[in-house]
Amino acid sequence: MEVRLKILYTSLCHTDVYFWEAKGQTPVFPRILGHEAAGIVESVGEGVTELAPGDHVLPVFTGECKECAHCKSEESNMCELLRINPDRKVMISDGQARFSVNGQPIYHFLGTSTFSEYTVVHAGCVAKINPEAPLDKVCVLSCGFCTGFGATVNVAKPKKGSTVAIFGLGAVGLSAAEGARVAGASRIIGVDLNSNRFETAKKFGCTEFVNPLEHTKPVQEVLAEMTNGGVDRAVECTGNINAMIQALESVHDGWGVAVLVGVPHKDAEFKTHPIHFLNEKTLKGTFYGHYKPRTDLPVVVEQYLKGELELEKFITHSVSFSEINKAFDLMLAGQGLRCIIRMDE
């Protein structure tokens, strides 16, 4: 149930940097990072029936076996067999790595390891897509874009004309804002501690901005005053526990929905007064924008090909594989959104 992929384009996601820095998780070395990518099937292993050499594909850090209770449920995308596991460093079939040097294993990352010209991935973590789609654009769908966009359109589900607050205006937050724009929200309020991000966010539908550092009162009170009692939907894309609490407390009573996307520190605790829930506010979490990788990603690619989604504005830089360190430098400096790494150079 494994396929070998020739990776043509990969992009750097903050998760790669987080694990490279070995923050907050068990460090593994040596390991090939990378998980947001696009490529072509080079060969298939035993038992693989839905993929063939030459197929254009997106490898995904989570999977869809199509057999477990989660995969058979319309309400979940958290496959029992193939859901994300940052600690897994080998293939599930035999507990061995597929990379080695001088007989020593080099470990896998998120089941994908796309910072490599060739990689081996479980077939359930590979989405077959329309071969007409430009791989240097749709590669961003395999992680960041779908996580934010789906959090808004699939989970928050803002009604046309509603108000939406987006906490955190990085690549995932801007994808969430794009989701609100596509859904027809009338006001999209970006919340970020970095005011330099506001100009870029306008391209993704943000109409107003709040920098909490520029206000003396809590940001949830600022938003309530701006929106006559609270926003209709809030999408949190920072992983900061305080932002998560603020997102819930900033939505309108009676119908407000807050969706958590960011991954908090492992010791963080969510503390708020239960009256928020008794006043009919809703708090939800989401994983990968509630998309099932193999079922839904081909559909999202078709949306892009029809002109319904704009991916180009997320791609701000491009480097050759030999210049991959430049991509890390750009991200560490907070410059740009997505840097595409061209594997054939």
C-alpha atoms as a PDB file:
ATOM      1  CA  MET A   1       0.000   0.000   0.000  1.00  0.00           C
ATOM      2  CA  GLU A   2       2.890   2.373  -0.697  1.00  0.00           C
ATOM      3  CA  VAL A   3       3.751   4.615  -3.631  1.00  0.00           C
ATOM      4  CA  ARG A   4       7.001   6.249  -4.645  1.00  0.00           C
ATOM      5  CA  LEU A   5       6.541   9.835  -5.737  1.00  0.00           C
ATOM      6  CA  LYS A   6       8.766  12.142  -7.750  1.00  0.00           C
ATOM      7  CA  ILE A   7       8.311  15.475  -5.988  1.00  0.00           C
ATOM      8  CA  LEU A   8       8.297  18.389  -8.441  1.00  0.00           C
ATOM      9  CA  TYR A   9       7.313  21.271  -6.149  1.00  0.00           C
ATOM     10  CA  THR A  10       7.231  21.600  -2.395  1.00  0.00           C
ATOM     11  CA  SER A  11       6.668  24.616  -0.172  1.00  0.00           C
ATOM     12  CA  LEU A  12       7.781  25.559   3.296  1.00  0.00           C
ATOM     13  CA  CYS A  13       5.141  25.575   6.022  1.00  0.00           C
ATOM     14  CA  HIS A  14       5.692  26.897   9.538  1.00  0.00           C
ATOM     15  CA  THR A  15       5.207  23.350  10.862  1.00  0.00           C
ATOM     16  CA  ASP A  16       8.430  22.336   9.103  1.00  0.00           C
ATOM     17  CA  VAL A  17      10.280  25.154  10.860  1.00  0.00           C
ATOM     18  CA  TYR A  18       8.687  24.240  14.206  1.00  0.00           C
ATOM     19  CA  PHE A  19       9.941  20.646  13.973  1.00  0.00           C
ATOM     20  CA  TRP A  20      13.300  21.709  12.558  1.00  0.00           C
ATOM     21  CA  GLU A  21      13.754  23.859  15.663  1.00  0.00           C
ATOM     22  CA  ALA A  22      12.624  20.857  17.797  1.00  0.00           C
ATOM     23  CA  LYS A  23      10.209  22.953  19.840  1.00  0.00           C
ATOM     24  CA  GLY A  24       7.651  21.194  21.994  1.00  0.00           C
ATOM     25  CA  GLN A  25       8.025  17.671  20.626  1.00  0.00           C
ATOM     26  CA  THR A  26      10.390  14.719  20.679  1.00  0.00           C
ATOM     27  CA  PRO A  27      13.290  15.578  18.360  1.00  0.00           C
ATOM     28  CA  VAL A  28      14.152  13.030  15.669  1.00  0.00           C
ATOM     29  CA  PHE A  29      17.421  13.051  13.723  1.00  0.00           C
ATOM     30  CA  PRO A  30      18.286  12.484  10.936  1.00  0.00           C
ATOM     31  CA  ARG A  31      14.910  13.221   9.363  1.00  0.00           C
ATOM     32  CA  ILE A  32      13.688  14.550   6.013  1.00  0.00           C
ATOM     33  CA  LEU A  33      11.180  17.336   6.599  1.00  0.00           C
ATOM     34  CA  GLY A  34       8.603  18.778   4.187  1.00  0.00           C
ATOM     35  CA  HIS A  35       4.896  17.988   3.793  1.00  0.00           C
ATOM     36  CA  GLU A  36       3.276  20.555   1.476  1.00  0.00           C
ATOM     37  CA  ALA A  37       3.976  19.380  -2.067  1.00  0.00           C
ATOM     38  CA  ALA A  38       2.907  18.114  -5.469  1.00  0.00           C
ATOM     39  CA  GLY A  39       4.392  15.480  -7.714  1.00  0.00           C
ATOM     40  CA  ILE A  40       3.948  12.479  -9.984  1.00  0.00           C
ATOM     41  CA  VAL A  41       3.610   8.800  -9.094  1.00  0.00           C
ATOM     42  CA  GLU A  42       6.837   7.044 -10.115  1.00  0.00           C
ATOM     43  CA  SER A  43       5.910   3.490  -9.050  1.00  0.00           C
ATOM     44  CA  VAL A  44       3.346   1.688  -6.888  1.00  0.00           C
ATOM     45  CA  GLY A  45       3.677  -1.126  -4.388  1.00  0.00           C
ATOM     46  CA  GLU A  46       1.645  -4.206  -3.682  1.00  0.00           C
ATOM     47  CA  GLY A  47      -2.073  -3.671  -3.081  1.00  0.00           C
ATOM     48  CA  VAL A  48      -2.254  -0.205  -4.646  1.00  0.00           C
ATOM     49  CA  THR A  49      -5.147  -0.108  -7.125  1.00  0.00           C
ATOM     50  CA  GLU A  50      -6.274   3.529  -7.305  1.00  0.00           C
ATOM     51  CA  LEU A  51      -2.931   5.038  -8.351  1.00  0.00           C
ATOM     52  CA  ALA A  52      -0.657   4.354 -11.304  1.00  0.00           C
ATOM     53  CA  PRO A  53       2.703   5.639 -12.564  1.00  0.00           C
ATOM     54  CA  GLY A  54       2.273   9.045 -14.192  1.00  0.00           C
ATOM     55  CA  ASP A  55      -0.653  10.173 -12.003  1.00  0.00           C
ATOM     56  CA  HIS A  56      -0.448  13.777 -10.792  1.00  0.00           C
ATOM     57  CA  VAL A  57      -0.867  13.827  -7.023  1.00  0.00           C
ATOM     58  CA  LEU A  58      -0.757  15.791  -3.792  1.00  0.00           C
ATOM     59  CA  PRO A  59       0.797  13.968  -0.817  1.00  0.00           C
ATOM     60  CA  VAL A  60      -0.971  14.893   2.431  1.00  0.00           C
ATOM     61  CA  PHE A  61       0.216  14.761   6.065  1.00  0.00           C
ATOM     62  CA  THR A  62      -3.026  13.015   7.051  1.00  0.00           C
ATOM     63  CA  GLY A  63      -4.787  10.227   5.235  1.00  0.00           C
ATOM     64  CA  GLU A  64      -8.027   8.553   4.286  1.00  0.00           C
ATOM     65  CA  CYS A  65      -8.118   4.757   4.364  1.00  0.00           C
ATOM     66  CA  LYS A  66     -11.829   4.788   3.360  1.00  0.00           C
ATOM     67  CA  GLU A  67     -12.455   1.773   5.624  1.00  0.00           C
ATOM     68  CA  CYS A  68     -12.503   2.979   9.254  1.00  0.00           C
ATOM     69  CA  ALA A  69     -15.429   4.488  11.152  1.00  0.00           C
ATOM     70  CA  HIS A  70     -14.051   8.004  10.680  1.00  0.00           C
ATOM     71  CA  CYS A  71     -13.637   7.621   6.928  1.00  0.00           C
ATOM     72  CA  LYS A  72     -17.140   6.171   6.583  1.00  0.00           C
ATOM     73  CA  SER A  73     -18.633   9.040   8.582  1.00  0.00           C
ATOM     74  CA  GLU A  74     -19.545  12.304   6.877  1.00  0.00           C
ATOM     75  CA  GLU A  75     -18.801  14.057  10.168  1.00  0.00           C
ATOM     76  CA  SER A  76     -15.098  13.244  10.453  1.00  0.00           C
ATOM     77  CA  ASN A  77     -11.877  13.421   8.462  1.00  0.00           C
ATOM     78  CA  MET A  78      -9.680  11.927  11.190  1.00  0.00           C
ATOM     79  CA  CYS A  79      -8.808   8.539   9.717  1.00  0.00           C
ATOM     80  CA  GLU A  80      -8.022   5.984  12.415  1.00  0.00           C
ATOM     81  CA  LEU A  81      -5.191   4.423  10.432  1.00  0.00           C
ATOM     82  CA  LEU A  82      -3.574   7.430   8.767  1.00  0.00           C
ATOM     83  CA  ARG A  83      -4.371  10.557  10.783  1.00  0.00           C
ATOM     84  CA  ILE A  84      -1.456  12.874  11.460  1.00  0.00           C
ATOM     85  CA  ASN A  85       1.164  11.491  13.829  1.00  0.00           C
ATOM     86  CA  PRO A  86       4.200  13.786  14.338  1.00  0.00           C
ATOM     87  CA  ASP A  87       6.012  11.130  16.381  1.00  0.00           C
ATOM     88  CA  ARG A  88       5.805   8.408  13.708  1.00  0.00           C
ATOM     89  CA  LYS A  89       9.106   8.281  11.872  1.00  0.00           C
ATOM     90  CA  VAL A  90       8.740   5.045   9.873  1.00  0.00           C
ATOM     91  CA  MET A  91       6.240   3.399   7.502  1.00  0.00           C
ATOM     92  CA  ILE A  92       3.291   1.684   9.166  1.00  0.00           C
ATOM     93  CA  SER A  93       3.478  -1.556   7.158  1.00  0.00           C
ATOM     94  CA  ASP A  94       6.783  -2.788   8.602  1.00  0.00           C
ATOM     95  CA  GLY A  95       8.021  -0.130  11.010  1.00  0.00           C
ATOM     96  CA  GLN A  96      11.011   0.667   8.787  1.00  0.00           C
ATOM     97  CA  ALA A  97      12.225   3.839   7.065  1.00  0.00           C
ATOM     98  CA  ARG A  98      12.413   3.971   3.264  1.00  0.00           C
ATOM     99  CA  PHE A  99      15.371   6.363   3.294  1.00  0.00           C
ATOM    100  CA  SER A 100      18.896   5.384   4.274  1.00  0.00           C
ATOM    101  CA  VAL A 101      22.504   6.403   3.847  1.00  0.00           C
ATOM    102  CA  ASN A 102      25.382   3.949   4.336  1.00  0.00           C
ATOM    103  CA  GLY A 103      22.916   1.457   5.790  1.00  0.00           C
ATOM    104  CA  GLN A 104      21.670   3.866   8.447  1.00  0.00           C
ATOM    105  CA  PRO A 105      17.984   4.927   8.412  1.00  0.00           C
ATOM    106  CA  ILE A 106      16.914   8.495   7.700  1.00  0.00           C
ATOM    107  CA  TYR A 107      13.503   9.028   9.254  1.00  0.00           C
ATOM    108  CA  HIS A 108      10.201  10.171   7.770  1.00  0.00           C
ATOM    109  CA  PHE A 109       8.213  13.280   8.720  1.00  0.00           C
ATOM    110  CA  LEU A 110       4.393  13.399   8.825  1.00  0.00           C
ATOM    111  CA  GLY A 111       4.343  10.428   6.466  1.00  0.00           C
ATOM    112  CA  THR A 112       5.422  12.619   3.542  1.00  0.00           C
ATOM    113  CA  SER A 113       9.052  13.897   3.711  1.00  0.00           C
ATOM    114  CA  THR A 114       8.777  16.047   0.606  1.00  0.00           C
ATOM    115  CA  PHE A 115      12.159  17.811   0.856  1.00  0.00           C
ATOM    116  CA  SER A 116      13.480  14.998  -1.315  1.00  0.00           C
ATOM    117  CA  GLU A 117      13.425  14.417  -5.060  1.00  0.00           C
ATOM    118  CA  TYR A 118      11.761  11.052  -4.398  1.00  0.00           C
ATOM    119  CA  THR A 119       9.734   9.972  -1.385  1.00  0.00           C
ATOM    120  CA  VAL A 120       7.637   6.976  -0.351  1.00  0.00           C
ATOM    121  CA  VAL A 121       4.136   7.596   1.006  1.00  0.00           C
ATOM    122  CA  HIS A 122       1.220   5.406   2.073  1.00  0.00           C
ATOM    123  CA  ALA A 123      -1.284   5.318  -0.800  1.00  0.00           C
ATOM    124  CA  GLY A 124      -4.032   6.509   1.576  1.00  0.00           C
ATOM    125  CA  CYS A 125      -2.153   9.817   2.011  1.00  0.00           C
ATOM    126  CA  VAL A 126      -2.047  10.598  -1.711  1.00  0.00           C
ATOM    127  CA  ALA A 127      -4.763  12.558  -3.544  1.00  0.00           C
ATOM    128  CA  LYS A 128      -4.956  11.992  -7.306  1.00  0.00           C
ATOM    129  CA  ILE A 129      -5.785  15.243  -9.098  1.00  0.00           C
ATOM    130  CA  ASN A 130      -6.538  16.603 -12.560  1.00  0.00           C
ATOM    131  CA  PRO A 131      -3.293  16.483 -14.585  1.00  0.00           C
ATOM    132  CA  GLU A 132      -4.131  19.886 -16.097  1.00  0.00           C
ATOM    133  CA  ALA A 133      -3.672  21.600 -12.728  1.00  0.00           C
ATOM    134  CA  PRO A 134      -0.357  23.497 -12.414  1.00  0.00           C
ATOM    135  CA  LEU A 135       1.538  21.616  -9.706  1.00  0.00           C
ATOM    136  CA  ASP A 136       3.559  24.707  -8.712  1.00  0.00           C
ATOM    137  CA  LYS A 137       0.287  26.347  -7.624  1.00  0.00           C
ATOM    138  CA  VAL A 138      -1.908  23.545  -6.281  1.00  0.00           C
ATOM    139  CA  CYS A 139       0.894  22.205  -4.051  1.00  0.00           C
ATOM    140  CA  VAL A 140      -0.220  24.739  -1.395  1.00  0.00           C
ATOM    141  CA  LEU A 141      -3.560  22.900  -1.147  1.00  0.00           C
ATOM    142  CA  SER A 142      -1.924  19.935   0.554  1.00  0.00           C
ATOM    143  CA  CYS A 143      -1.641  21.789   3.861  1.00  0.00           C
ATOM    144  CA  GLY A 144      -1.952  25.506   4.613  1.00  0.00           C
ATOM    145  CA  PHE A 145      -4.639  26.750   2.256  1.00  0.00           C
ATOM    146  CA  CYS A 146      -7.142  23.968   2.937  1.00  0.00           C
ATOM    147  CA  THR A 147      -6.595  24.208   6.702  1.00  0.00           C
ATOM    148  CA  GLY A 148      -7.653  27.867   6.828  1.00  0.00           C
ATOM    149  CA  PHE A 149     -10.111  28.031   3.933  1.00  0.00           C
ATOM    150  CA  GLY A 150     -11.927  24.892   5.076  1.00  0.00           C
ATOM    151  CA  ALA A 151     -12.106  26.110   8.677  1.00  0.00           C
ATOM    152  CA  THR A 152     -14.256  28.978   7.415  1.00  0.00           C
ATOM    153  CA  VAL A 153     -16.343  27.427   4.629  1.00  0.00           C
ATOM    154  CA  ASN A 154     -16.746  23.912   6.062  1.00  0.00           C
ATOM    155  CA  VAL A 155     -16.857  24.553   9.816  1.00  0.00           C
ATOM    156  CA  ALA A 156     -17.653  28.192  10.660  1.00  0.00           C
ATOM    157  CA  LYS A 157     -20.006  28.437   7.655  1.00  0.00           C
ATOM    158  CA  PRO A 158     -20.648  32.209   7.711  1.00  0.00           C
ATOM    159  CA  LYS A 159     -23.863  33.340   6.058  1.00  0.00           C
ATOM    160  CA  LYS A 160     -23.806  35.875   3.248  1.00  0.00           C
ATOM    161  CA  GLY A 161     -23.607  39.386   4.681  1.00  0.00           C
ATOM    162  CA  SER A 162     -22.267  38.258   8.064  1.00  0.00           C
ATOM    163  CA  THR A 163     -19.312  39.577  10.056  1.00  0.00           C
ATOM    164  CA  VAL A 164     -16.221  37.407  10.542  1.00  0.00           C
ATOM    165  CA  ALA A 165     -13.140  37.985  12.706  1.00  0.00           C
ATOM    166  CA  ILE A 166      -9.874  36.257  11.768  1.00  0.00           C
ATOM    167  CA  PHE A 167      -7.311  35.955  14.570  1.00  0.00           C
ATOM    168  CA  GLY A 168      -3.807  35.710  13.096  1.00  0.00           C
ATOM    169  CA  LEU A 169      -2.990  36.830   9.555  1.00  0.00           C
ATOM    170  CA  GLY A 170      -0.320  34.362   8.519  1.00  0.00           C
ATOM    171  CA  ALA A 171      -0.840  32.033   5.554  1.00  0.00           C
ATOM    172  CA  VAL A 172      -3.508  29.957   7.330  1.00  0.00           C
ATOM    173  CA  GLY A 173      -5.346  33.023   8.663  1.00  0.00           C
ATOM    174  CA  LEU A 174      -5.373  34.656   5.232  1.00  0.00           C
ATOM    175  CA  SER A 175      -6.752  31.408   3.794  1.00  0.00           C
ATOM    176  CA  ALA A 176      -9.515  31.623   6.393  1.00  0.00           C
ATOM    177  CA  ALA A 177     -10.161  35.239   5.357  1.00  0.00           C
ATOM    178  CA  GLU A 178     -10.315  34.106   1.730  1.00  0.00           C
ATOM    179  CA  GLY A 179     -12.953  31.583   2.803  1.00  0.00           C
ATOM    180  CA  ALA A 180     -15.000  34.355   4.407  1.00  0.00           C
ATOM    181  CA  ARG A 181     -14.680  36.444   1.238  1.00  0.00           C
ATOM    182  CA  VAL A 182     -15.850  33.574  -0.974  1.00  0.00           C
ATOM    183  CA  ALA A 183     -18.747  32.919   1.434  1.00  0.00           C
ATOM    184  CA  GLY A 184     -19.930  36.513   0.983  1.00  0.00           C
ATOM    185  CA  ALA A 185     -19.175  37.972   4.417  1.00  0.00           C
ATOM    186  CA  SER A 186     -19.820  41.718   4.461  1.00  0.00           C
ATOM    187  CA  ARG A 187     -17.177  42.539   7.094  1.00  0.00           C
ATOM    188  CA  ILE A 188     -13.968  40.597   7.631  1.00  0.00           C
ATOM    189  CA  ILE A 189     -11.999  41.909  10.596  1.00  0.00           C
ATOM    190  CA  GLY A 190      -8.341  40.882  10.805  1.00  0.00           C
ATOM    191  CA  VAL A 191      -6.815  40.674  14.280  1.00  0.00           C
ATOM    192  CA  ASP A 192      -3.021  40.558  14.539  1.00  0.00           C
ATOM    193  CA  LEU A 193      -0.227  41.952  16.726  1.00  0.00           C
ATOM    194  CA  ASN A 194       1.739  42.867  13.593  1.00  0.00           C
ATOM    195  CA  SER A 195       0.170  45.860  11.814  1.00  0.00           C
ATOM    196  CA  ASN A 196       2.492  45.328   8.836  1.00  0.00           C
ATOM    197  CA  ARG A 197       0.275  42.404   7.834  1.00  0.00           C
ATOM    198  CA  PHE A 198      -2.835  44.513   7.357  1.00  0.00           C
ATOM    199  CA  GLU A 199      -2.022  45.816   3.888  1.00  0.00           C
ATOM    200  CA  THR A 200      -1.477  42.307   2.510  1.00  0.00           C
ATOM    201  CA  ALA A 201      -4.636  41.063   4.222  1.00  0.00           C
ATOM    202  CA  LYS A 202      -6.762  43.457   2.148  1.00  0.00           C
ATOM    203  CA  LYS A 203      -6.034  41.280  -0.907  1.00  0.00           C
ATOM    204  CA  PHE A 204      -7.673  38.377   0.910  1.00  0.00           C
ATOM    205  CA  GLY A 205     -10.899  40.155   1.732  1.00  0.00           C
ATOM    206  CA  CYS A 206     -10.133  41.795   5.079  1.00  0.00           C
ATOM    207  CA  THR A 207     -12.080  45.043   5.381  1.00  0.00           C
ATOM    208  CA  GLU A 208     -11.009  46.190   8.861  1.00  0.00           C
ATOM    209  CA  PHE A 209      -8.166  45.558  11.269  1.00  0.00           C
ATOM    210  CA  VAL A 210      -7.553  45.446  14.986  1.00  0.00           C
ATOM    211  CA  ASN A 211      -4.136  45.345  16.625  1.00  0.00           C
ATOM    212  CA  PRO A 212      -4.778  44.408  20.289  1.00  0.00           C
ATOM    213  CA  LEU A 213      -1.591  46.235  21.314  1.00  0.00           C
ATOM    214  CA  GLU A 214      -3.160  49.536  20.206  1.00  0.00           C
ATOM    215  CA  HIS A 215      -6.115  49.224  22.598  1.00  0.00           C
ATOM    216  CA  THR A 216      -6.355  49.486  26.360  1.00  0.00           C
ATOM    217  CA  LYS A 217      -9.415  47.236  26.639  1.00  0.00           C
ATOM    218  CA  PRO A 218      -9.520  43.511  25.763  1.00  0.00           C
ATOM    219  CA  VAL A 219      -9.860  42.791  22.037  1.00  0.00           C
ATOM    220  CA  GLN A 220     -13.145  40.947  22.552  1.00  0.00           C
ATOM    221  CA  GLU A 221     -14.637  44.180  23.926  1.00  0.00           C
ATOM    222  CA  VAL A 222     -13.232  46.159  20.990  1.00  0.00           C
ATOM    223  CA  LEU A 223     -14.841  43.725  18.533  1.00  0.00           C
ATOM    224  CA  ALA A 224     -18.153  43.781  20.412  1.00  0.00           C
ATOM    225  CA  GLU A 225     -18.259  47.579  20.157  1.00  0.00           C
ATOM    226  CA  MET A 226     -17.400  47.474  16.449  1.00  0.00           C
ATOM    227  CA  THR A 227     -20.126  44.952  15.653  1.00  0.00           C
ATOM    228  CA  ASN A 228     -23.024  45.791  17.944  1.00  0.00           C
ATOM    229  CA  GLY A 229     -22.524  42.919  20.361  1.00  0.00           C
ATOM    230  CA  GLY A 230     -20.032  40.605  18.672  1.00  0.00           C
ATOM    231  CA  VAL A 231     -19.053  39.039  15.363  1.00  0.00           C
ATOM    232  CA  ASP A 232     -21.137  36.277  13.795  1.00  0.00           C
ATOM    233  CA  ARG A 233     -18.104  34.018  13.297  1.00  0.00           C
ATOM    234  CA  ALA A 234     -14.531  34.005  14.588  1.00  0.00           C
ATOM    235  CA  VAL A 235     -11.714  31.830  13.237  1.00  0.00           C
ATOM    236  CA  GLU A 236      -8.573  31.536  15.359  1.00  0.00           C
ATOM    237  CA  CYS A 237      -5.355  30.752  13.460  1.00  0.00           C
ATOM    238  CA  THR A 238      -2.564  31.517  15.921  1.00  0.00           C
ATOM    239  CA  GLY A 239      -2.312  28.649  18.402  1.00  0.00           C
ATOM    240  CA  ASN A 240      -2.064  31.249  21.171  1.00  0.00           C
ATOM    241  CA  ILE A 241      -4.348  30.190  24.025  1.00  0.00           C
ATOM    242  CA  ASN A 242      -5.331  33.797  24.802  1.00  0.00           C
ATOM    243  CA  ALA A 243      -6.399  34.353  21.191  1.00  0.00           C
ATOM    244  CA  MET A 244      -8.482  31.177  21.395  1.00  0.00           C
ATOM    245  CA  ILE A 245     -10.322  32.460  24.440  1.00  0.00           C
ATOM    246  CA  GLN A 246     -10.758  35.901  22.864  1.00  0.00           C
ATOM    247  CA  ALA A 247     -12.201  34.321  19.718  1.00  0.00           C
ATOM    248  CA  LEU A 248     -14.976  32.606  21.686  1.00  0.00           C
ATOM    249  CA  GLU A 249     -15.682  35.660  23.821  1.00  0.00           C
ATOM    250  CA  SER A 250     -15.839  37.959  20.779  1.00  0.00           C
ATOM    251  CA  VAL A 251     -18.716  36.177  19.015  1.00  0.00           C
ATOM    252  CA  HIS A 252     -22.333  37.322  19.339  1.00  0.00           C
ATOM    253  CA  ASP A 253     -24.581  35.580  21.820  1.00  0.00           C
ATOM    254  CA  GLY A 254     -27.479  33.585  20.393  1.00  0.00           C
ATOM    255  CA  TRP A 255     -25.752  32.482  17.183  1.00  0.00           C
ATOM    256  CA  GLY A 256     -22.026  33.210  17.308  1.00  0.00           C
ATOM    257  CA  VAL A 257     -19.592  30.434  16.369  1.00  0.00           C
ATOM    258  CA  ALA A 258     -15.851  30.412  17.111  1.00  0.00           C
ATOM    259  CA  VAL A 259     -13.576  27.903  15.359  1.00  0.00           C
ATOM    260  CA  LEU A 260     -10.121  26.965  16.626  1.00  0.00           C
ATOM    261  CA  VAL A 261      -7.493  26.118  14.006  1.00  0.00           C
ATOM    262  CA  GLY A 262      -4.143  26.854  15.670  1.00  0.00           C
ATOM    263  CA  VAL A 263      -2.329  24.193  17.695  1.00  0.00           C
ATOM    264  CA  PRO A 264      -1.729  25.372  21.288  1.00  0.00           C
ATOM    265  CA  HIS A 265       1.188  24.647  23.578  1.00  0.00           C
ATOM    266  CA  LYS A 266       0.833  21.158  25.064  1.00  0.00           C
ATOM    267  CA  ASP A 267       0.361  22.562  28.592  1.00  0.00           C
ATOM    268  CA  ALA A 268      -2.128  25.300  27.629  1.00  0.00           C
ATOM    269  CA  GLU A 269      -5.580  25.315  29.241  1.00  0.00           C
ATOM    270  CA  PHE A 270      -8.703  26.982  27.873  1.00  0.00           C
ATOM    271  CA  LYS A 271     -10.386  29.002  30.630  1.00  0.00           C
ATOM    272  CA  THR A 272     -13.598  30.961  30.176  1.00  0.00           C
ATOM    273  CA  HIS A 273     -16.894  31.480  31.977  1.00  0.00           C
ATOM    274  CA  PRO A 274     -19.573  28.861  31.162  1.00  0.00           C
ATOM    275  CA  ILE A 275     -22.109  31.675  30.700  1.00  0.00           C
ATOM    276  CA  HIS A 276     -20.745  32.101  27.160  1.00  0.00           C
ATOM    277  CA  PHE A 277     -22.080  28.653  26.284  1.00  0.00           C
ATOM    278  CA  LEU A 278     -25.341  29.130  28.161  1.00  0.00           C
ATOM    279  CA  ASN A 279     -25.825  32.284  26.072  1.00  0.00           C
ATOM    280  CA  GLU A 280     -25.782  30.079  22.965  1.00  0.00           C
ATOM    281  CA  LYS A 281     -22.274  30.736  21.749  1.00  0.00           C
ATOM    282  CA  THR A 282     -20.622  27.756  20.038  1.00  0.00           C
ATOM    283  CA  LEU A 283     -16.974  26.699  20.191  1.00  0.00           C
ATOM    284  CA  LYS A 284     -15.638  24.283  17.574  1.00  0.00           C
ATOM    285  CA  GLY A 285     -12.296  22.844  16.628  1.00  0.00           C
ATOM    286  CA  THR A 286     -11.186  21.709  13.197  1.00  0.00           C
ATOM    287  CA  PHE A 287      -8.477  19.591  11.637  1.00  0.00           C
ATOM    288  CA  TYR A 288      -7.254  20.215   8.067  1.00  0.00           C
ATOM    289  CA  GLY A 289     -10.325  22.342   7.343  1.00  0.00           C
ATOM    290  CA  HIS A 290     -12.594  19.289   7.656  1.00  0.00           C
ATOM    291  CA  TYR A 291     -11.421  18.037   4.251  1.00  0.00           C
ATOM    292  CA  LYS A 292     -11.055  14.309   3.569  1.00  0.00           C
ATOM    293  CA  PRO A 293      -7.801  14.263   1.566  1.00  0.00           C
ATOM    294  CA  ARG A 294      -8.513  11.718  -1.167  1.00  0.00           C
ATOM    295  CA  THR A 295     -12.217  12.523  -1.536  1.00  0.00           C
ATOM    296  CA  ASP A 296     -12.195  16.312  -1.259  1.00  0.00           C
ATOM    297  CA  LEU A 297      -8.832  17.558  -2.566  1.00  0.00           C
ATOM    298  CA  PRO A 298      -9.570  16.669  -6.217  1.00  0.00           C
ATOM    299  CA  VAL A 299     -12.765  18.754  -5.893  1.00  0.00           C
ATOM    300  CA  VAL A 300     -10.848  21.731  -4.460  1.00  0.00           C
ATOM    301  CA  VAL A 301      -8.393  21.486  -7.368  1.00  0.00           C
ATOM    302  CA  GLU A 302     -11.352  21.655  -9.792  1.00  0.00           C
ATOM    303  CA  GLN A 303     -12.610  24.770  -7.968  1.00  0.00           C
ATOM    304  CA  TYR A 304      -9.223  26.363  -8.605  1.00  0.00           C
ATOM    305  CA  LEU A 305      -9.255  25.387 -12.283  1.00  0.00           C
ATOM    306  CA  LYS A 306     -12.719  26.971 -12.653  1.00  0.00           C
ATOM    307  CA  GLY A 307     -11.372  30.248 -11.251  1.00  0.00           C
ATOM    308  CA  GLU A 308     -13.325  30.003  -7.991  1.00  0.00           C
ATOM    309  CA  LEU A 309     -10.156  30.071  -5.840  1.00  0.00           C
ATOM    310  CA  GLU A 310      -7.110  32.319  -6.111  1.00  0.00           C
ATOM    311  CA  LEU A 311      -3.939  30.504  -5.080  1.00  0.00           C
ATOM    312  CA  GLU A 312      -1.403  32.736  -6.832  1.00  0.00           C
ATOM    313  CA  LYS A 313      -1.637  35.505  -4.243  1.00  0.00           C
ATOM    314  CA  PHE A 314      -0.478  33.093  -1.522  1.00  0.00           C
ATOM    315  CA  ILE A 315       2.744  32.355  -3.385  1.00  0.00           C
ATOM    316  CA  THR A 316       5.153  35.207  -2.733  1.00  0.00           C
ATOM    317  CA  HIS A 317       8.548  33.601  -3.384  1.00  0.00           C
ATOM    318  CA  SER A 318      10.133  30.787  -5.376  1.00  0.00           C
ATOM    319  CA  VAL A 319      13.580  29.208  -5.003  1.00  0.00           C
ATOM    320  CA  SER A 320      15.432  26.197  -6.394  1.00  0.00           C
ATOM    321  CA  PHE A 321      15.940  23.137  -4.167  1.00  0.00           C
ATOM    322  CA  SER A 322      19.605  24.063  -3.767  1.00  0.00           C
ATOM    323  CA  GLU A 323      18.469  27.376  -2.226  1.00  0.00           C
ATOM    324  CA  ILE A 324      16.056  25.813   0.290  1.00  0.00           C
ATOM    325  CA  ASN A 325      17.769  27.634   3.172  1.00  0.00           C
ATOM    326  CA  LYS A 326      16.538  30.909   1.652  1.00  0.00           C
ATOM    327  CA  ALA A 327      12.961  29.688   2.186  1.00  0.00           C
ATOM    328  CA  PHE A 328      13.736  29.125   5.875  1.00  0.00           C
ATOM    329  CA  ASP A 329      15.366  32.571   6.127  1.00  0.00           C
ATOM    330  CA  LEU A 330      12.297  34.231   4.600  1.00  0.00           C
ATOM    331  CA  MET A 331       9.937  32.496   6.998  1.00  0.00           C
ATOM    332  CA  LEU A 332      12.072  33.223  10.051  1.00  0.00           C
ATOM    333  CA  ALA A 333      12.146  36.900   8.996  1.00  0.00           C
ATOM    334  CA  GLY A 334       8.353  36.885   8.609  1.00  0.00           C
ATOM    335  CA  GLN A 335       8.597  37.769   4.923  1.00  0.00           C
ATOM    336  CA  GLY A 336       6.045  36.523   2.432  1.00  0.00           C
ATOM    337  CA  LEU A 337       3.451  33.779   2.741  1.00  0.00           C
ATOM    338  CA  ARG A 338       4.469  30.725   0.759  1.00  0.00           C
ATOM    339  CA  CYS A 339       7.823  30.027  -0.854  1.00  0.00           C
ATOM    340  CA  ILE A 340       7.699  27.389  -3.585  1.00  0.00           C
ATOM    341  CA  ILE A 341      10.776  25.147  -3.810  1.00  0.00           C
ATOM    342  CA  ARG A 342      11.472  23.858  -7.323  1.00  0.00           C
ATOM    343  CA  MET A 343      12.867  20.345  -7.016  1.00  0.00           C
ATOM    344  CA  ASP A 344      14.255  20.036 -10.536  1.00  0.00           C
ATOM    345  CA  GLU A 345      16.828  22.828 -10.104  1.00  0.00           C
END
